[in-house]
Amino acid sequence: MLKDRLKTIRLEKGLTMVQVAEKLGVSYPVYSQWERGKRTPKEDTIQRLAKALDVTPDYLAGRTGDLDEIFNIIRENNPTEKDKEIIATWLKGYFKNRD
C-alpha cells in the first residue's frame, strides 16, 4: 500500500523520485527502494514523507478507511464553495433516501 501511494501522490504532484528524495534529504536509491516496496521507511520517516507530500501519515501508510481517503481526495482538489455545496447536497440526499 505505501509504495503505491508514494508513487501515486508523487505523480499527482508532478514530482520526480529525485525531487522527493531531495525534499527529504535522502538519496535517490533509498527513496526508490521505498517506492518500489523493496524497503519500508521507519515511522518517523513516514511522518516526514507525509509532510513533504502534503498528506496524512495514516493515509500514506494505508491506515485509513475509505472515508478518510475520500476526504483527502476532496482536499487535494481544492474544492470551491460551490463544490462544497454540491457535495453536501448530494450527501444529504443520499443518506436521506437510502434504504
PDB file of N, CA and C in Angstrom:
ATOM      1  N   MET A   1       0.831  -1.188   0.000  1.00  0.00           N
ATOM      2  CA  MET A   1       0.000   0.000   0.000  1.00  0.00           C
ATOM      3  C   MET A   1       0.880   1.257   0.000  1.00  0.00           C
ATOM      4  N   LEU A   2       1.879   1.324   0.883  1.00  0.00           N
ATOM      5  CA  LEU A   2       2.734   2.511   0.974  1.00  0.00           C
ATOM      6  C   LEU A   2       3.394   2.808  -0.361  1.00  0.00           C
ATOM      7  N   LYS A   3       3.972   1.788  -0.982  1.00  0.00           N
ATOM      8  CA  LYS A   3       4.678   2.016  -2.243  1.00  0.00           C
ATOM      9  C   LYS A   3       3.744   2.566  -3.312  1.00  0.00           C
ATOM     10  N   ASP A   4       2.519   2.046  -3.361  1.00  0.00           N
ATOM     11  CA  ASP A   4       1.558   2.513  -4.356  1.00  0.00           C
ATOM     12  C   ASP A   4       1.146   3.957  -4.100  1.00  0.00           C
ATOM     13  N   ARG A   5       0.926   4.269  -2.840  1.00  0.00           N
ATOM     14  CA  ARG A   5       0.513   5.642  -2.514  1.00  0.00           C
ATOM     15  C   ARG A   5       1.645   6.629  -2.729  1.00  0.00           C
ATOM     16  N   LEU A   6       2.869   6.229  -2.416  1.00  0.00           N
ATOM     17  CA  LEU A   6       4.009   7.113  -2.668  1.00  0.00           C
ATOM     18  C   LEU A   6       4.075   7.486  -4.148  1.00  0.00           C
ATOM     19  N   LYS A   7       3.978   6.486  -4.995  1.00  0.00           N
ATOM     20  CA  LYS A   7       4.078   6.738  -6.432  1.00  0.00           C
ATOM     21  C   LYS A   7       2.900   7.571  -6.933  1.00  0.00           C
ATOM     22  N   THR A   8       1.699   7.195  -6.516  1.00  0.00           N
ATOM     23  CA  THR A   8       0.502   7.905  -6.976  1.00  0.00           C
ATOM     24  C   THR A   8       0.542   9.374  -6.576  1.00  0.00           C
ATOM     25  N   ILE A   9       0.842   9.632  -5.316  1.00  0.00           N
ATOM     26  CA  ILE A   9       0.874  11.015  -4.828  1.00  0.00           C
ATOM     27  C   ILE A   9       1.986  11.801  -5.504  1.00  0.00           C
ATOM     28  N   ARG A  10       3.143  11.168  -5.644  1.00  0.00           N
ATOM     29  CA  ARG A  10       4.273  11.842  -6.289  1.00  0.00           C
ATOM     30  C   ARG A  10       3.909  12.253  -7.716  1.00  0.00           C
ATOM     31  N   LEU A  11       3.294  11.336  -8.455  1.00  0.00           N
ATOM     32  CA  LEU A  11       2.910  11.634  -9.830  1.00  0.00           C
ATOM     33  C   LEU A  11       1.820  12.696  -9.896  1.00  0.00           C
ATOM     34  N   GLU A  12       0.857  12.627  -8.980  1.00  0.00           N
ATOM     35  CA  GLU A  12      -0.205  13.636  -8.937  1.00  0.00           C
ATOM     36  C   GLU A  12       0.368  15.034  -8.708  1.00  0.00           C
ATOM     37  N   LYS A  13       1.447  15.106  -7.950  1.00  0.00           N
ATOM     38  CA  LYS A  13       2.067  16.393  -7.635  1.00  0.00           C
ATOM     39  C   LYS A  13       3.109  16.798  -8.679  1.00  0.00           C
ATOM     40  N   GLY A  14       3.319  15.932  -9.672  1.00  0.00           N
ATOM     41  CA  GLY A  14       4.254  16.257 -10.745  1.00  0.00           C
ATOM     42  C   GLY A  14       5.707  16.243 -10.308  1.00  0.00           C
ATOM     43  N   LEU A  15       6.028  15.405  -9.337  1.00  0.00           N
ATOM     44  CA  LEU A  15       7.392  15.335  -8.820  1.00  0.00           C
ATOM     45  C   LEU A  15       8.101  14.089  -9.335  1.00  0.00           C
ATOM     46  N   THR A  16       9.412  14.185  -9.443  1.00  0.00           N
ATOM     47  CA  THR A  16      10.225  13.013  -9.768  1.00  0.00           C
ATOM     48  C   THR A  16      10.667  12.362  -8.459  1.00  0.00           C
ATOM     49  N   MET A  17      11.156  11.130  -8.555  1.00  0.00           N
ATOM     50  CA  MET A  17      11.684  10.471  -7.363  1.00  0.00           C
ATOM     51  C   MET A  17      12.883  11.242  -6.817  1.00  0.00           C
ATOM     52  N   VAL A  18      13.684  11.799  -7.700  1.00  0.00           N
ATOM     53  CA  VAL A  18      14.846  12.583  -7.279  1.00  0.00           C
ATOM     54  C   VAL A  18      14.396  13.802  -6.472  1.00  0.00           C
ATOM     55  N   GLN A  19      13.353  14.483  -6.939  1.00  0.00           N
ATOM     56  CA  GLN A  19      12.856  15.667  -6.236  1.00  0.00           C
ATOM     57  C   GLN A  19      12.337  15.317  -4.842  1.00  0.00           C
ATOM     58  N   VAL A  20      11.599  14.220  -4.723  1.00  0.00           N
ATOM     59  CA  VAL A  20      11.088  13.814  -3.410  1.00  0.00           C
ATOM     60  C   VAL A  20      12.256  13.449  -2.497  1.00  0.00           C
ATOM     61  N   ALA A  21      13.214  12.709  -3.028  1.00  0.00           N
ATOM     62  CA  ALA A  21      14.385  12.327  -2.231  1.00  0.00           C
ATOM     63  C   ALA A  21      15.110  13.575  -1.725  1.00  0.00           C
ATOM     64  N   GLU A  22      15.270  14.569  -2.585  1.00  0.00           N
ATOM     65  CA  GLU A  22      15.948  15.805  -2.186  1.00  0.00           C
ATOM     66  C   GLU A  22      15.160  16.543  -1.110  1.00  0.00           C
ATOM     67  N   LYS A  23      13.823  16.579  -1.242  1.00  0.00           N
ATOM     68  CA  LYS A  23      12.992  17.241  -0.227  1.00  0.00           C
ATOM     69  C   LYS A  23      13.175  16.598   1.140  1.00  0.00           C
ATOM     70  N   LEU A  24      13.409  15.291   1.137  1.00  0.00           N
ATOM     71  CA  LEU A  24      13.551  14.553   2.394  1.00  0.00           C
ATOM     72  C   LEU A  24      14.992  14.480   2.887  1.00  0.00           C
ATOM     73  N   GLY A  25      15.917  14.826   2.021  1.00  0.00           N
ATOM     74  CA  GLY A  25      17.321  14.737   2.406  1.00  0.00           C
ATOM     75  C   GLY A  25      17.827  13.302   2.438  1.00  0.00           C
ATOM     76  N   VAL A  26      17.268  12.472   1.550  1.00  0.00           N
ATOM     77  CA  VAL A  26      17.737  11.086   1.434  1.00  0.00           C
ATOM     78  C   VAL A  26      18.228  10.875   0.003  1.00  0.00           C
ATOM     79  N   SER A  27      18.959   9.812  -0.191  1.00  0.00           N
ATOM     80  CA  SER A  27      19.459   9.539  -1.535  1.00  0.00           C
ATOM     81  C   SER A  27      18.340   8.999  -2.425  1.00  0.00           C
ATOM     82  N   TYR A  28      18.535   9.164  -3.736  1.00  0.00           N
ATOM     83  CA  TYR A  28      17.569   8.634  -4.692  1.00  0.00           C
ATOM     84  C   TYR A  28      17.402   7.125  -4.521  1.00  0.00           C
ATOM     85  N   PRO A  29      18.511   6.341  -4.385  1.00  0.00           N
ATOM     86  CA  PRO A  29      18.329   4.896  -4.240  1.00  0.00           C
ATOM     87  C   PRO A  29      17.481   4.507  -3.016  1.00  0.00           C
ATOM     88  N   VAL A  30      17.629   5.235  -1.919  1.00  0.00           N
ATOM     89  CA  VAL A  30      16.829   4.933  -0.721  1.00  0.00           C
ATOM     90  C   VAL A  30      15.356   5.191  -1.007  1.00  0.00           C
ATOM     91  N   TYR A  31      15.054   6.376  -1.549  1.00  0.00           N
ATOM     92  CA  TYR A  31      13.650   6.677  -1.860  1.00  0.00           C
ATOM     93  C   TYR A  31      13.096   5.676  -2.869  1.00  0.00           C
ATOM     94  N   SER A  32      13.871   5.366  -3.876  1.00  0.00           N
ATOM     95  CA  SER A  32      13.443   4.439  -4.912  1.00  0.00           C
ATOM     96  C   SER A  32      13.067   3.078  -4.318  1.00  0.00           C
ATOM     97  N   GLN A  33      13.825   2.636  -3.344  1.00  0.00           N
ATOM     98  CA  GLN A  33      13.521   1.349  -2.694  1.00  0.00           C
ATOM     99  C   GLN A  33      12.197   1.413  -1.939  1.00  0.00           C
ATOM    100  N   TRP A  34      11.887   2.539  -1.339  1.00  0.00           N
ATOM    101  CA  TRP A  34      10.585   2.683  -0.651  1.00  0.00           C
ATOM    102  C   TRP A  34       9.453   2.618  -1.663  1.00  0.00           C
ATOM    103  N   GLU A  35       9.617   3.367  -2.765  1.00  0.00           N
ATOM    104  CA  GLU A  35       8.540   3.431  -3.750  1.00  0.00           C
ATOM    105  C   GLU A  35       8.372   2.104  -4.495  1.00  0.00           C
ATOM    106  N   ARG A  36       9.417   1.322  -4.603  1.00  0.00           N
ATOM    107  CA  ARG A  36       9.317   0.016  -5.257  1.00  0.00           C
ATOM    108  C   ARG A  36       8.944  -1.094  -4.268  1.00  0.00           C
ATOM    109  N   GLY A  37       8.835  -0.746  -2.988  1.00  0.00           N
ATOM    110  CA  GLY A  37       8.454  -1.727  -1.979  1.00  0.00           C
ATOM    111  C   GLY A  37       9.581  -2.662  -1.565  1.00  0.00           C
ATOM    112  N   LYS A  38      10.799  -2.293  -1.874  1.00  0.00           N
ATOM    113  CA  LYS A  38      11.967  -3.113  -1.511  1.00  0.00           C
ATOM    114  C   LYS A  38      12.376  -2.894  -0.062  1.00  0.00           C
ATOM    115  N   ARG A  39      12.090  -1.710   0.462  1.00  0.00           N
ATOM    116  CA  ARG A  39      12.358  -1.375   1.865  1.00  0.00           C
ATOM    117  C   ARG A  39      11.178  -0.578   2.388  1.00  0.00           C
ATOM    118  N   THR A  40      11.004  -0.612   3.706  1.00  0.00           N
ATOM    119  CA  THR A  40       9.933   0.162   4.340  1.00  0.00           C
ATOM    120  C   THR A  40      10.567   1.217   5.229  1.00  0.00           C
ATOM    121  N   PRO A  41      10.167   2.475   5.056  1.00  0.00           N
ATOM    122  CA  PRO A  41      10.741   3.526   5.902  1.00  0.00           C
ATOM    123  C   PRO A  41      10.255   3.396   7.343  1.00  0.00           C
ATOM    124  N   LYS A  42      11.059   3.906   8.257  1.00  0.00           N
ATOM    125  CA  LYS A  42      10.675   3.922   9.665  1.00  0.00           C
ATOM    126  C   LYS A  42       9.534   4.906   9.861  1.00  0.00           C
ATOM    127  N   GLU A  43       8.853   4.788  10.999  1.00  0.00           N
ATOM    128  CA  GLU A  43       7.671   5.613  11.269  1.00  0.00           C
ATOM    129  C   GLU A  43       7.994   7.106  11.218  1.00  0.00           C
ATOM    130  N   ASP A  44       9.136   7.518  11.757  1.00  0.00           N
ATOM    131  CA  ASP A  44       9.467   8.948  11.721  1.00  0.00           C
ATOM    132  C   ASP A  44       9.694   9.426  10.286  1.00  0.00           C
ATOM    133  N   THR A  45      10.180   8.545   9.436  1.00  0.00           N
ATOM    134  CA  THR A  45      10.369   8.888   8.034  1.00  0.00           C
ATOM    135  C   THR A  45       9.023   8.959   7.313  1.00  0.00           C
ATOM    136  N   ILE A  46       8.090   8.100   7.675  1.00  0.00           N
ATOM    137  CA  ILE A  46       6.744   8.165   7.106  1.00  0.00           C
ATOM    138  C   ILE A  46       6.119   9.516   7.451  1.00  0.00           C
ATOM    139  N   GLN A  47       6.365   9.992   8.652  1.00  0.00           N
ATOM    140  CA  GLN A  47       5.866  11.315   9.060  1.00  0.00           C
ATOM    141  C   GLN A  47       6.446  12.395   8.140  1.00  0.00           C
ATOM    142  N   ARG A  48       7.739  12.327   7.897  1.00  0.00           N
ATOM    143  CA  ARG A  48       8.391  13.311   7.025  1.00  0.00           C
ATOM    144  C   ARG A  48       7.915  13.205   5.583  1.00  0.00           C
ATOM    145  N   LEU A  49       7.746  11.977   5.110  1.00  0.00           N
ATOM    146  CA  LEU A  49       7.228  11.762   3.754  1.00  0.00           C
ATOM    147  C   LEU A  49       5.841  12.377   3.600  1.00  0.00           C
ATOM    148  N   ALA A  50       4.985  12.117   4.592  1.00  0.00           N
ATOM    149  CA  ALA A  50       3.619  12.641   4.546  1.00  0.00           C
ATOM    150  C   ALA A  50       3.620  14.160   4.512  1.00  0.00           C
ATOM    151  N   LYS A  51       4.468  14.763   5.327  1.00  0.00           N
ATOM    152  CA  LYS A  51       4.543  16.225   5.352  1.00  0.00           C
ATOM    153  C   LYS A  51       5.039  16.759   4.008  1.00  0.00           C
ATOM    154  N   ALA A  52       6.046  16.132   3.457  1.00  0.00           N
ATOM    155  CA  ALA A  52       6.607  16.578   2.176  1.00  0.00           C
ATOM    156  C   ALA A  52       5.594  16.433   1.037  1.00  0.00           C
ATOM    157  N   LEU A  53       4.725  15.421   1.129  1.00  0.00           N
ATOM    158  CA  LEU A  53       3.750  15.169   0.070  1.00  0.00           C
ATOM    159  C   LEU A  53       2.369  15.747   0.395  1.00  0.00           C
ATOM    160  N   ASP A  54       2.253  16.394   1.537  1.00  0.00           N
ATOM    161  CA  ASP A  54       1.016  17.057   1.957  1.00  0.00           C
ATOM    162  C   ASP A  54      -0.169  16.098   2.085  1.00  0.00           C
ATOM    163  N   VAL A  55       0.088  14.976   2.765  1.00  0.00           N
ATOM    164  CA  VAL A  55      -0.972  14.018   3.106  1.00  0.00           C
ATOM    165  C   VAL A  55      -0.756  13.605   4.554  1.00  0.00           C
ATOM    166  N   THR A  56      -1.700  12.874   5.117  1.00  0.00           N
ATOM    167  CA  THR A  56      -1.516  12.405   6.484  1.00  0.00           C
ATOM    168  C   THR A  56      -0.646  11.155   6.491  1.00  0.00           C
ATOM    169  N   PRO A  57       0.095  10.940   7.570  1.00  0.00           N
ATOM    170  CA  PRO A  57       0.890   9.711   7.677  1.00  0.00           C
ATOM    171  C   PRO A  57       0.007   8.462   7.603  1.00  0.00           C
ATOM    172  N   ASP A  58      -1.170   8.513   8.218  1.00  0.00           N
ATOM    173  CA  ASP A  58      -2.071   7.363   8.180  1.00  0.00           C
ATOM    174  C   ASP A  58      -2.517   7.056   6.757  1.00  0.00           C
ATOM    175  N   TYR A  59      -2.842   8.082   6.004  1.00  0.00           N
ATOM    176  CA  TYR A  59      -3.239   7.873   4.608  1.00  0.00           C
ATOM    177  C   TYR A  59      -2.091   7.257   3.830  1.00  0.00           C
ATOM    178  N   LEU A  60      -0.907   7.823   3.980  1.00  0.00           N
ATOM    179  CA  LEU A  60       0.257   7.348   3.252  1.00  0.00           C
ATOM    180  C   LEU A  60       0.552   5.885   3.558  1.00  0.00           C
ATOM    181  N   ALA A  61       0.427   5.519   4.819  1.00  0.00           N
ATOM    182  CA  ALA A  61       0.728   4.148   5.237  1.00  0.00           C
ATOM    183  C   ALA A  61      -0.447   3.191   5.042  1.00  0.00           C
ATOM    184  N   GLY A  62      -1.574   3.715   4.552  1.00  0.00           N
ATOM    185  CA  GLY A  62      -2.723   2.855   4.314  1.00  0.00           C
ATOM    186  C   GLY A  62      -3.487   2.482   5.568  1.00  0.00           C
ATOM    187  N   ARG A  63      -3.397   3.343   6.580  1.00  0.00           N
ATOM    188  CA  ARG A  63      -4.066   3.044   7.847  1.00  0.00           C
ATOM    189  C   ARG A  63      -5.379   3.803   7.984  1.00  0.00           C
ATOM    190  N   THR A  64      -5.972   4.196   6.876  1.00  0.00           N
ATOM    191  CA  THR A  64      -7.223   4.928   6.932  1.00  0.00           C
ATOM    192  C   THR A  64      -8.312   4.154   6.224  1.00  0.00           C
ATOM    193  N   GLY A  65      -9.529   4.466   6.572  1.00  0.00           N
ATOM    194  CA  GLY A  65     -10.666   3.856   5.909  1.00  0.00           C
ATOM    195  C   GLY A  65     -11.000   4.605   4.642  1.00  0.00           C
ATOM    196  N   ASP A  66     -11.972   4.110   3.939  1.00  0.00           N
ATOM    197  CA  ASP A  66     -12.365   4.706   2.673  1.00  0.00           C
ATOM    198  C   ASP A  66     -12.810   6.155   2.824  1.00  0.00           C
ATOM    199  N   LEU A  67     -13.494   6.476   3.913  1.00  0.00           N
ATOM    200  CA  LEU A  67     -13.986   7.838   4.104  1.00  0.00           C
ATOM    201  C   LEU A  67     -12.829   8.825   4.227  1.00  0.00           C
ATOM    202  N   ASP A  68     -11.784   8.443   4.938  1.00  0.00           N
ATOM    203  CA  ASP A  68     -10.610   9.311   5.044  1.00  0.00           C
ATOM    204  C   ASP A  68      -9.980   9.543   3.679  1.00  0.00           C
ATOM    205  N   GLU A  69      -9.969   8.524   2.860  1.00  0.00           N
ATOM    206  CA  GLU A  69      -9.407   8.660   1.518  1.00  0.00           C
ATOM    207  C   GLU A  69     -10.244   9.634   0.684  1.00  0.00           C
ATOM    208  N   ILE A  70     -11.560   9.553   0.826  1.00  0.00           N
ATOM    209  CA  ILE A  70     -12.440  10.480   0.115  1.00  0.00           C
ATOM    210  C   ILE A  70     -12.163  11.916   0.554  1.00  0.00           C
ATOM    211  N   PHE A  71     -12.023  12.141   1.863  1.00  0.00           N
ATOM    212  CA  PHE A  71     -11.727  13.484   2.357  1.00  0.00           C
ATOM    213  C   PHE A  71     -10.398  13.992   1.816  1.00  0.00           C
ATOM    214  N   ASN A  72      -9.398  13.115   1.743  1.00  0.00           N
ATOM    215  CA  ASN A  72      -8.102  13.516   1.189  1.00  0.00           C
ATOM    216  C   ASN A  72      -8.231  13.908  -0.275  1.00  0.00           C
ATOM    217  N   ILE A  73      -9.019  13.151  -1.034  1.00  0.00           N
ATOM    218  CA  ILE A  73      -9.222  13.481  -2.447  1.00  0.00           C
ATOM    219  C   ILE A  73      -9.877  14.848  -2.578  1.00  0.00           C
ATOM    220  N   ILE A  74     -10.881  15.092  -1.758  1.00  0.00           N
ATOM    221  CA  ILE A  74     -11.570  16.383  -1.805  1.00  0.00           C
ATOM    222  C   ILE A  74     -10.585  17.508  -1.482  1.00  0.00           C
ATOM    223  N   ARG A  75      -9.820  17.356  -0.390  1.00  0.00           N
ATOM    224  CA  ARG A  75      -8.862  18.397   0.000  1.00  0.00           C
ATOM    225  C   ARG A  75      -7.805  18.633  -1.079  1.00  0.00           C
ATOM    226  N   GLU A  76      -7.323  17.556  -1.683  1.00  0.00           N
ATOM    227  CA  GLU A  76      -6.268  17.674  -2.688  1.00  0.00           C
ATOM    228  C   GLU A  76      -6.736  18.446  -3.917  1.00  0.00           C
ATOM    229  N   ASN A  77      -8.037  18.459  -4.156  1.00  0.00           N
ATOM    230  CA  ASN A  77      -8.569  19.118  -5.343  1.00  0.00           C
ATOM    231  C   ASN A  77      -9.080  20.518  -5.077  1.00  0.00           C
ATOM    232  N   ASN A  78      -8.805  21.047  -3.888  1.00  0.00           N
ATOM    233  CA  ASN A  78      -9.156  22.428  -3.537  1.00  0.00           C
ATOM    234  C   ASN A  78     -10.572  22.811  -3.967  1.00  0.00           C
ATOM    235  N   PRO A  79     -11.576  22.206  -3.341  1.00  0.00           N
ATOM    236  CA  PRO A  79     -12.953  22.481  -3.764  1.00  0.00           C
ATOM    237  C   PRO A  79     -13.348  23.943  -3.520  1.00  0.00           C
ATOM    238  N   THR A  80     -14.134  24.455  -4.443  1.00  0.00           N
ATOM    239  CA  THR A  80     -14.681  25.799  -4.284  1.00  0.00           C
ATOM    240  C   THR A  80     -15.872  25.717  -3.340  1.00  0.00           C
ATOM    241  N   GLU A  81     -16.404  26.857  -2.968  1.00  0.00           N
ATOM    242  CA  GLU A  81     -17.603  26.862  -2.115  1.00  0.00           C
ATOM    243  C   GLU A  81     -18.759  26.180  -2.839  1.00  0.00           C
ATOM    244  N   LYS A  82     -18.848  26.384  -4.141  1.00  0.00           N
ATOM    245  CA  LYS A  82     -19.901  25.741  -4.933  1.00  0.00           C
ATOM    246  C   LYS A  82     -19.719  24.224  -4.926  1.00  0.00           C
ATOM    247  N   ASP A  83     -18.476  23.759  -5.066  1.00  0.00           N
ATOM    248  CA  ASP A  83     -18.197  22.321  -4.997  1.00  0.00           C
ATOM    249  C   ASP A  83     -18.649  21.755  -3.655  1.00  0.00           C
ATOM    250  N   LYS A  84     -18.330  22.475  -2.579  1.00  0.00           N
ATOM    251  CA  LYS A  84     -18.702  22.017  -1.238  1.00  0.00           C
ATOM    252  C   LYS A  84     -20.213  21.926  -1.093  1.00  0.00           C
ATOM    253  N   GLU A  85     -20.927  22.904  -1.650  1.00  0.00           N
ATOM    254  CA  GLU A  85     -22.394  22.878  -1.595  1.00  0.00           C
ATOM    255  C   GLU A  85     -22.946  21.654  -2.329  1.00  0.00           C
ATOM    256  N   ILE A  86     -22.402  21.397  -3.504  1.00  0.00           N
ATOM    257  CA  ILE A  86     -22.859  20.250  -4.300  1.00  0.00           C
ATOM    258  C   ILE A  86     -22.597  18.945  -3.565  1.00  0.00           C
ATOM    259  N   ILE A  87     -21.414  18.803  -3.006  1.00  0.00           N
ATOM    260  CA  ILE A  87     -21.060  17.586  -2.271  1.00  0.00           C
ATOM    261  C   ILE A  87     -21.976  17.414  -1.067  1.00  0.00           C
ATOM    262  N   ALA A  88     -22.192  18.490  -0.302  1.00  0.00           N
ATOM    263  CA  ALA A  88     -23.056  18.423   0.881  1.00  0.00           C
ATOM    264  C   ALA A  88     -24.489  18.069   0.489  1.00  0.00           C
ATOM    265  N   THR A  89     -24.987  18.674  -0.577  1.00  0.00           N
ATOM    266  CA  THR A  89     -26.354  18.386  -1.038  1.00  0.00           C
ATOM    267  C   THR A  89     -26.476  16.926  -1.453  1.00  0.00           C
ATOM    268  N   TRP A  90     -25.497  16.443  -2.185  1.00  0.00           N
ATOM    269  CA  TRP A  90     -25.525  15.049  -2.621  1.00  0.00           C
ATOM    270  C   TRP A  90     -25.509  14.108  -1.422  1.00  0.00           C
ATOM    271  N   LEU A  91     -24.620  14.369  -0.469  1.00  0.00           N
ATOM    272  CA  LEU A  91     -24.528  13.504   0.715  1.00  0.00           C
ATOM    273  C   LEU A  91     -25.831  13.507   1.517  1.00  0.00           C
ATOM    274  N   LYS A  92     -26.416  14.678   1.726  1.00  0.00           N
ATOM    275  CA  LYS A  92     -27.678  14.762   2.464  1.00  0.00           C
ATOM    276  C   LYS A  92     -28.754  13.967   1.742  1.00  0.00           C
ATOM    277  N   GLY A  93     -28.854  14.131   0.430  1.00  0.00           N
ATOM    278  CA  GLY A  93     -29.861  13.403  -0.341  1.00  0.00           C
ATOM    279  C   GLY A  93     -29.623  11.903  -0.313  1.00  0.00           C
ATOM    280  N   TYR A  94     -28.384  11.515  -0.407  1.00  0.00           N
ATOM    281  CA  TYR A  94     -28.046  10.095  -0.377  1.00  0.00           C
ATOM    282  C   TYR A  94     -28.479   9.463   0.935  1.00  0.00           C
ATOM    283  N   PHE A  95     -28.085  10.063   2.048  1.00  0.00           N
ATOM    284  CA  PHE A  95     -28.399   9.475   3.349  1.00  0.00           C
ATOM    285  C   PHE A  95     -29.892   9.573   3.682  1.00  0.00           C
ATOM    286  N   LYS A  96     -30.550  10.575   3.188  1.00  0.00           N
ATOM    287  CA  LYS A  96     -31.996  10.714   3.420  1.00  0.00           C
ATOM    288  C   LYS A  96     -32.769   9.642   2.674  1.00  0.00           C
ATOM    289  N   ASN A  97     -32.310   9.280   1.483  1.00  0.00           N
ATOM    290  CA  ASN A  97     -33.070   8.380   0.618  1.00  0.00           C
ATOM    291  C   ASN A  97     -32.581   6.929   0.604  1.00  0.00           C
ATOM    292  N   ARG A  98     -31.545   6.608   1.332  1.00  0.00           N
ATOM    293  CA  ARG A  98     -31.062   5.220   1.283  1.00  0.00           C
ATOM    294  C   ARG A  98     -31.992   4.320   2.076  1.00  0.00           C
ATOM    295  N   ASP A  99     -31.955   3.068   1.770  1.00  0.00           N
ATOM    296  CA  ASP A  99     -32.853   2.093   2.424  1.00  0.00           C
ATOM    297  C   ASP A  99     -32.480   1.864   3.865  1.00  0.00           C
TER     298      ASP A  99
END
